[in-house]
Each structure stands twice: as structure tokens, then as C-alpha cells.
């Protein structure tokens, strides 16, 4: 199943981690902003 060499997995994890982190942070900010605003 893990046919990729470990360096490639490490690089992929390093590249994907900030993207996932930023995405979750943006989602959190978006949800809190929606909750603060009164629904019209």
C-alpha cells in the first residue's frame, strides 16, 4: 500500500499541513462570523 519512499511522504505532509491548517482556520473564522451576524 505504501509504495512511495518515505522522503516523498515527508515532503507531501510538510506541503499539505499548512494548507489543511489554513483551511481549518478559514472555516473557523467563517463559521464564527456567520454566528455573530444576525440571520436575515
PDB file of N, CA and C in Angstrom:
ATOM      1  N   UNK A   1       0.846  -1.200   0.000  1.00  0.00           N
ATOM      2  CA  UNK A   1       0.000   0.000   0.000  1.00  0.00           C
ATOM      3  C   UNK A   1       0.882   1.251   0.000  1.00  0.00           C
ATOM      4  N   UNK A   2       1.928   1.256   0.853  1.00  0.00           N
ATOM      5  CA  UNK A   2       2.836   2.403   0.896  1.00  0.00           C
ATOM      6  C   UNK A   2       3.997   2.163  -0.058  1.00  0.00           C
ATOM      7  N   UNK A   3       3.757   2.437  -1.354  1.00  0.00           N
ATOM      8  CA  UNK A   3       4.796   2.201  -2.354  1.00  0.00           C
ATOM      9  C   UNK A   3       5.725   3.403  -2.464  1.00  0.00           C
ATOM     10  N   UNK A   4       5.291   4.569  -1.944  1.00  0.00           N
ATOM     11  CA  UNK A   4       6.125   5.768  -2.049  1.00  0.00           C
ATOM     12  C   UNK A   4       7.271   5.691  -1.055  1.00  0.00           C
ATOM     13  N   UNK A   5       8.427   6.196  -1.420  1.00  0.00           N
ATOM     14  CA  UNK A   5       9.542   6.292  -0.469  1.00  0.00           C
ATOM     15  C   UNK A   5       9.209   7.298   0.634  1.00  0.00           C
ATOM     16  N   UNK A   6       9.767   7.090   1.815  1.00  0.00           N
ATOM     17  CA  UNK A   6       9.415   7.943   2.949  1.00  0.00           C
ATOM     18  C   UNK A   6       9.735   9.424   2.725  1.00  0.00           C
ATOM     19  N   UNK A   7      10.837   9.800   2.061  1.00  0.00           N
ATOM     20  CA  UNK A   7      11.082  11.243   1.848  1.00  0.00           C
ATOM     21  C   UNK A   7       9.942  11.917   1.101  1.00  0.00           C
ATOM     22  N   UNK A   8       9.363  11.209   0.136  1.00  0.00           N
ATOM     23  CA  UNK A   8       8.250  11.805  -0.611  1.00  0.00           C
ATOM     24  C   UNK A   8       7.054  12.001   0.316  1.00  0.00           C
ATOM     25  N   UNK A   9       6.814  11.036   1.199  1.00  0.00           N
ATOM     26  CA  UNK A   9       5.699  11.173   2.140  1.00  0.00           C
ATOM     27  C   UNK A   9       5.945  12.346   3.082  1.00  0.00           C
ATOM     28  N   UNK A  10       7.191  12.498   3.525  1.00  0.00           N
ATOM     29  CA  UNK A  10       7.511  13.603   4.440  1.00  0.00           C
ATOM     30  C   UNK A  10       7.301  14.939   3.741  1.00  0.00           C
ATOM     31  N   UNK A  11       7.767  15.052   2.495  1.00  0.00           N
ATOM     32  CA  UNK A  11       7.607  16.309   1.755  1.00  0.00           C
ATOM     33  C   UNK A  11       6.129  16.592   1.524  1.00  0.00           C
ATOM     34  N   UNK A  12       5.366  15.554   1.176  1.00  0.00           N
ATOM     35  CA  UNK A  12       3.933  15.747   0.937  1.00  0.00           C
ATOM     36  C   UNK A  12       3.242  16.210   2.224  1.00  0.00           C
ATOM     37  N   UNK A  13       3.613  15.618   3.349  1.00  0.00           N
ATOM     38  CA  UNK A  13       2.994  16.018   4.618  1.00  0.00           C
ATOM     39  C   UNK A  13       3.348  17.464   4.947  1.00  0.00           C
ATOM     40  N   UNK A  14       4.628  17.840   4.723  1.00  0.00           N
ATOM     41  CA  UNK A  14       5.058  19.212   5.019  1.00  0.00           C
ATOM     42  C   UNK A  14       4.324  20.200   4.125  1.00  0.00           C
ATOM     43  N   UNK A  15       4.083  19.817   2.870  1.00  0.00           N
ATOM     44  CA  UNK A  15       3.405  20.732   1.941  1.00  0.00           C
ATOM     45  C   UNK A  15       1.912  20.809   2.240  1.00  0.00           C
ATOM     46  N   UNK A  16       1.310  19.685   2.651  1.00  0.00           N
ATOM     47  CA  UNK A  16      -0.141  19.660   2.846  1.00  0.00           C
ATOM     48  C   UNK A  16      -0.551  20.212   4.209  1.00  0.00           C
ATOM     49  N   UNK A  17       0.329  20.104   5.204  1.00  0.00           N
ATOM     50  CA  UNK A  17      -0.050  20.514   6.561  1.00  0.00           C
ATOM     51  C   UNK A  17      -0.478  21.980   6.636  1.00  0.00           C
ATOM     52  N   UNK A  18       0.312  22.936   6.099  1.00  0.00           N
ATOM     53  CA  UNK A  18      -0.110  24.351   6.163  1.00  0.00           C
ATOM     54  C   UNK A  18      -1.411  24.594   5.420  1.00  0.00           C
ATOM     55  N   UNK A  19      -1.627  23.878   4.314  1.00  0.00           N
ATOM     56  CA  UNK A  19      -2.864  24.072   3.543  1.00  0.00           C
ATOM     57  C   UNK A  19      -4.069  23.641   4.377  1.00  0.00           C
ATOM     58  N   UNK A  20      -3.956  22.468   5.008  1.00  0.00           N
ATOM     59  CA  UNK A  20      -5.067  21.980   5.836  1.00  0.00           C
ATOM     60  C   UNK A  20      -5.271  22.903   7.036  1.00  0.00           C
ATOM     61  N   UNK A  21      -4.158  23.350   7.632  1.00  0.00           N
ATOM     62  CA  UNK A  21      -4.255  24.227   8.799  1.00  0.00           C
ATOM     63  C   UNK A  21      -4.932  25.540   8.417  1.00  0.00           C
ATOM     64  N   UNK A  22      -4.514  26.143   7.306  1.00  0.00           N
ATOM     65  CA  UNK A  22      -5.119  27.409   6.870  1.00  0.00           C
ATOM     66  C   UNK A  22      -6.588  27.199   6.531  1.00  0.00           C
ATOM     67  N   UNK A  23      -6.904  26.077   5.899  1.00  0.00           N
ATOM     68  CA  UNK A  23      -8.293  25.803   5.536  1.00  0.00           C
ATOM     69  C   UNK A  23      -9.170  25.687   6.774  1.00  0.00           C
ATOM     70  N   UNK A  24      -8.691  24.994   7.796  1.00  0.00           N
ATOM     71  CA  UNK A  24      -9.492  24.843   9.008  1.00  0.00           C
ATOM     72  C   UNK A  24      -9.638  26.190   9.714  1.00  0.00           C
ATOM     73  N   UNK A  25      -8.564  27.000   9.706  1.00  0.00           N
ATOM     74  CA  UNK A  25      -8.638  28.318  10.338  1.00  0.00           C
ATOM     75  C   UNK A  25      -9.642  29.199   9.603  1.00  0.00           C
ATOM     76  N   UNK A  26      -9.626  29.157   8.261  1.00  0.00           N
ATOM     77  CA  UNK A  26     -10.570  29.961   7.483  1.00  0.00           C
ATOM     78  C   UNK A  26     -12.001  29.503   7.760  1.00  0.00           C
ATOM     79  N   UNK A  27     -12.201  28.186   7.843  1.00  0.00           N
ATOM     80  CA  UNK A  27     -13.544  27.672   8.128  1.00  0.00           C
ATOM     81  C   UNK A  27     -13.999  28.126   9.515  1.00  0.00           C
ATOM     82  N   UNK A  28     -13.105  28.085  10.491  1.00  0.00           N
ATOM     83  CA  UNK A  28     -13.468  28.524  11.841  1.00  0.00           C
ATOM     84  C   UNK A  28     -13.866  29.994  11.833  1.00  0.00           C
ATOM     85  N   UNK A  29     -13.064  30.831  11.182  1.00  0.00           N
ATOM     86  CA  UNK A  29     -13.368  32.266  11.135  1.00  0.00           C
ATOM     87  C   UNK A  29     -14.693  32.500  10.418  1.00  0.00           C
ATOM     88  N   UNK A  30     -14.925  31.762   9.337  1.00  0.00           N
ATOM     89  CA  UNK A  30     -16.164  31.936   8.572  1.00  0.00           C
ATOM     90  C   UNK A  30     -17.378  31.544   9.411  1.00  0.00           C
ATOM     91  N   UNK A  31     -17.253  30.430  10.147  1.00  0.00           N
ATOM     92  CA  UNK A  31     -18.385  29.977  10.961  1.00  0.00           C
ATOM     93  C   UNK A  31     -18.666  30.957  12.096  1.00  0.00           C
ATOM     94  N   UNK A  32     -17.633  31.457  12.754  1.00  0.00           N
ATOM     95  CA  UNK A  32     -17.855  32.403  13.852  1.00  0.00           C
ATOM     96  C   UNK A  32     -18.448  33.695  13.312  1.00  0.00           C
ATOM     97  N   UNK A  33     -18.009  34.112  12.132  1.00  0.00           N
ATOM     98  CA  UNK A  33     -18.554  35.337  11.541  1.00  0.00           C
ATOM     99  C   UNK A  33     -20.036  35.153  11.220  1.00  0.00           C
ATOM    100  N   UNK A  34     -20.395  33.968  10.721  1.00  0.00           N
ATOM    101  CA  UNK A  34     -21.806  33.703  10.422  1.00  0.00           C
ATOM    102  C   UNK A  34     -22.625  33.675  11.711  1.00  0.00           C
ATOM    103  N   UNK A  35     -22.052  33.143  12.782  1.00  0.00           N
ATOM    104  CA  UNK A  35     -22.794  33.058  14.041  1.00  0.00           C
ATOM    105  C   UNK A  35     -22.988  34.444  14.655  1.00  0.00           C
ATOM    106  N   UNK A  36     -21.991  35.325  14.499  1.00  0.00           N
ATOM    107  CA  UNK A  36     -22.095  36.653  15.098  1.00  0.00           C
ATOM    108  C   UNK A  36     -23.129  37.504  14.369  1.00  0.00           C
ATOM    109  N   UNK A  37     -23.226  37.337  13.058  1.00  0.00           N
ATOM    110  CA  UNK A  37     -24.174  38.154  12.298  1.00  0.00           C
ATOM    111  C   UNK A  37     -25.602  37.625  12.482  1.00  0.00           C
ATOM    112  N   UNK A  38     -26.560  38.517  12.640  1.00  0.00           N
ATOM    113  CA  UNK A  38     -27.966  38.079  12.724  1.00  0.00           C
ATOM    114  C   UNK A  38     -28.440  37.556  11.379  1.00  0.00           C
ATOM    115  N   UNK A  39     -29.134  36.434  11.396  1.00  0.00           N
ATOM    116  CA  UNK A  39     -29.602  35.841  10.140  1.00  0.00           C
ATOM    117  C   UNK A  39     -30.773  36.651   9.600  1.00  0.00           C
ATOM    118  N   UNK A  40     -30.676  37.018   8.339  1.00  0.00           N
ATOM    119  CA  UNK A  40     -31.755  37.807   7.729  1.00  0.00           C
ATOM    120  C   UNK A  40     -32.447  36.973   6.671  1.00  0.00           C
TER     121      UNK A  40
END
